[in-house]
């Protein structure tokens, strides 16, 4: 997986691109980015599957100076963390953790 951050000069925002690589995405039909920035709504940030390599990608703007917890939801049932996240934190569920991005 990969996360790319681009800090905007004219706004207090960070443009973040999230990508699930083809070696993971090829076995799934759809992916969504869910997190506290979208109230954990699986329909708020669907990821686009690229035709050139079958990776999933989406870009969102987040406020600078904040931390956001997130995960990927694949085919509406499989949860996936991002290994390249800035850190990981435990959840209310004892067997799970969330990825965290710091802007």
Protein backbone atom coordinates (compact mmCIF):
# COMPACT_ATOMS: atom_id res chain seq x y z
CA UNK A 1 0.00 0.00 0.00
CA UNK A 2 1.06 3.56 -0.31
CA UNK A 3 0.09 6.93 1.06
CA UNK A 4 1.20 10.18 -0.57
CA UNK A 5 0.78 13.53 1.15
CA UNK A 6 0.84 16.89 -0.59
CA UNK A 7 0.56 19.96 1.64
CA UNK A 8 -1.40 22.77 0.02
CA UNK A 9 0.15 26.24 0.10
CA UNK A 10 -3.09 28.19 -0.13
CA UNK A 11 -5.18 26.20 2.38
CA UNK A 12 -4.53 24.56 5.77
CA UNK A 13 -5.05 21.17 4.15
CA UNK A 14 -3.12 18.13 3.10
CA UNK A 15 -4.10 16.31 -0.10
CA UNK A 16 -3.69 12.59 0.64
CA UNK A 17 -3.74 9.80 -1.94
CA UNK A 18 -4.39 6.28 -0.66
CA UNK A 19 -3.49 3.29 -2.86
CA UNK A 20 -4.03 -0.45 -2.51
CA UNK A 21 -1.58 -2.25 -4.83
CA UNK A 22 -2.63 -4.80 -7.46
CA UNK A 23 -1.19 -7.79 -5.60
CA UNK A 24 -3.84 -7.18 -2.92
CA UNK A 25 -6.62 -5.54 -4.95
CA UNK A 26 -6.78 -8.14 -7.74
CA UNK A 27 -8.85 -10.48 -5.58
CA UNK A 28 -11.47 -7.83 -4.73
CA UNK A 29 -14.16 -6.07 -6.75
CA UNK A 30 -14.49 -2.92 -4.64
CA UNK A 31 -12.74 -1.00 -1.90
CA UNK A 32 -13.68 1.92 0.33
CA UNK A 33 -11.63 4.21 2.52
CA UNK A 34 -13.33 4.58 5.89
CA UNK A 35 -12.25 6.53 8.93
CA UNK A 36 -13.09 9.15 11.47
CA UNK A 37 -12.84 11.81 8.70
CA UNK A 38 -15.99 10.37 7.10
CA UNK A 39 -17.75 9.04 10.22
CA UNK A 40 -16.72 5.48 9.23
CA UNK A 41 -19.23 5.57 6.37
CA UNK A 42 -18.34 2.80 3.86
CA UNK A 43 -20.08 4.71 1.06
CA UNK A 44 -18.44 8.11 1.59
CA UNK A 45 -15.07 7.44 -0.08
CA UNK A 46 -15.23 4.58 -2.58
CA UNK A 47 -11.90 3.83 -4.20
CA UNK A 48 -11.48 3.69 -7.97
CA UNK A 49 -10.02 0.53 -9.50
CA UNK A 50 -7.47 1.55 -12.10
CA UNK A 51 -7.59 -0.30 -15.41
CA UNK A 52 -3.85 -0.07 -16.00
CA UNK A 53 -2.83 -2.18 -13.00
CA UNK A 54 -6.02 -3.02 -11.02
CA UNK A 55 -4.89 -1.05 -7.97
CA UNK A 56 -7.48 0.89 -5.95
CA UNK A 57 -6.92 4.62 -5.40
CA UNK A 58 -8.66 7.63 -3.86
CA UNK A 59 -7.60 11.13 -2.87
CA UNK A 60 -9.06 13.26 -0.09
CA UNK A 61 -8.19 16.57 1.58
CA UNK A 62 -7.57 16.53 5.33
CA UNK A 63 -6.86 19.38 7.73
CA UNK A 64 -3.22 19.97 8.65
CA UNK A 65 -2.14 19.37 12.22
CA UNK A 66 -4.58 16.55 12.92
CA UNK A 67 -4.46 12.76 13.23
CA UNK A 68 -7.04 10.57 11.52
CA UNK A 69 -7.80 6.89 12.10
CA UNK A 70 -8.76 4.85 9.04
CA UNK A 71 -8.98 1.42 7.45
CA UNK A 72 -9.84 -0.03 4.05
CA UNK A 73 -13.03 -2.06 3.59
CA UNK A 74 -12.81 -4.57 0.73
CA UNK A 75 -15.93 -6.05 -0.86
CA UNK A 76 -17.92 -4.85 2.15
CA UNK A 77 -16.50 -7.50 4.47
CA UNK A 78 -12.70 -7.63 4.66
CA UNK A 79 -10.92 -4.98 6.74
CA UNK A 80 -7.36 -4.01 5.89
CA UNK A 81 -4.85 -1.72 7.57
CA UNK A 82 -2.22 0.26 5.71
CA UNK A 83 1.30 -0.85 6.55
CA UNK A 84 2.65 2.55 5.50
CA UNK A 85 0.43 4.49 7.92
CA UNK A 86 2.16 6.88 10.29
CA UNK A 87 1.16 4.67 13.21
CA UNK A 88 -1.40 2.11 14.37
CA UNK A 89 -3.66 2.26 17.43
CA UNK A 90 -5.79 -0.35 19.21
CA UNK A 91 -9.57 -0.30 18.72
CA UNK A 92 -12.46 -1.22 20.98
CA UNK A 93 -12.21 -4.70 19.51
CA UNK A 94 -9.40 -6.69 21.13
CA UNK A 95 -8.25 -8.31 17.88
CA UNK A 96 -8.11 -5.17 15.71
CA UNK A 97 -6.25 -1.92 15.29
CA UNK A 98 -6.69 1.15 13.10
CA UNK A 99 -4.19 2.83 10.84
CA UNK A 100 -3.44 6.49 11.58
CA UNK A 101 -2.38 9.27 9.24
CA UNK A 102 -0.88 12.46 10.63
CA UNK A 103 -1.28 15.57 8.48
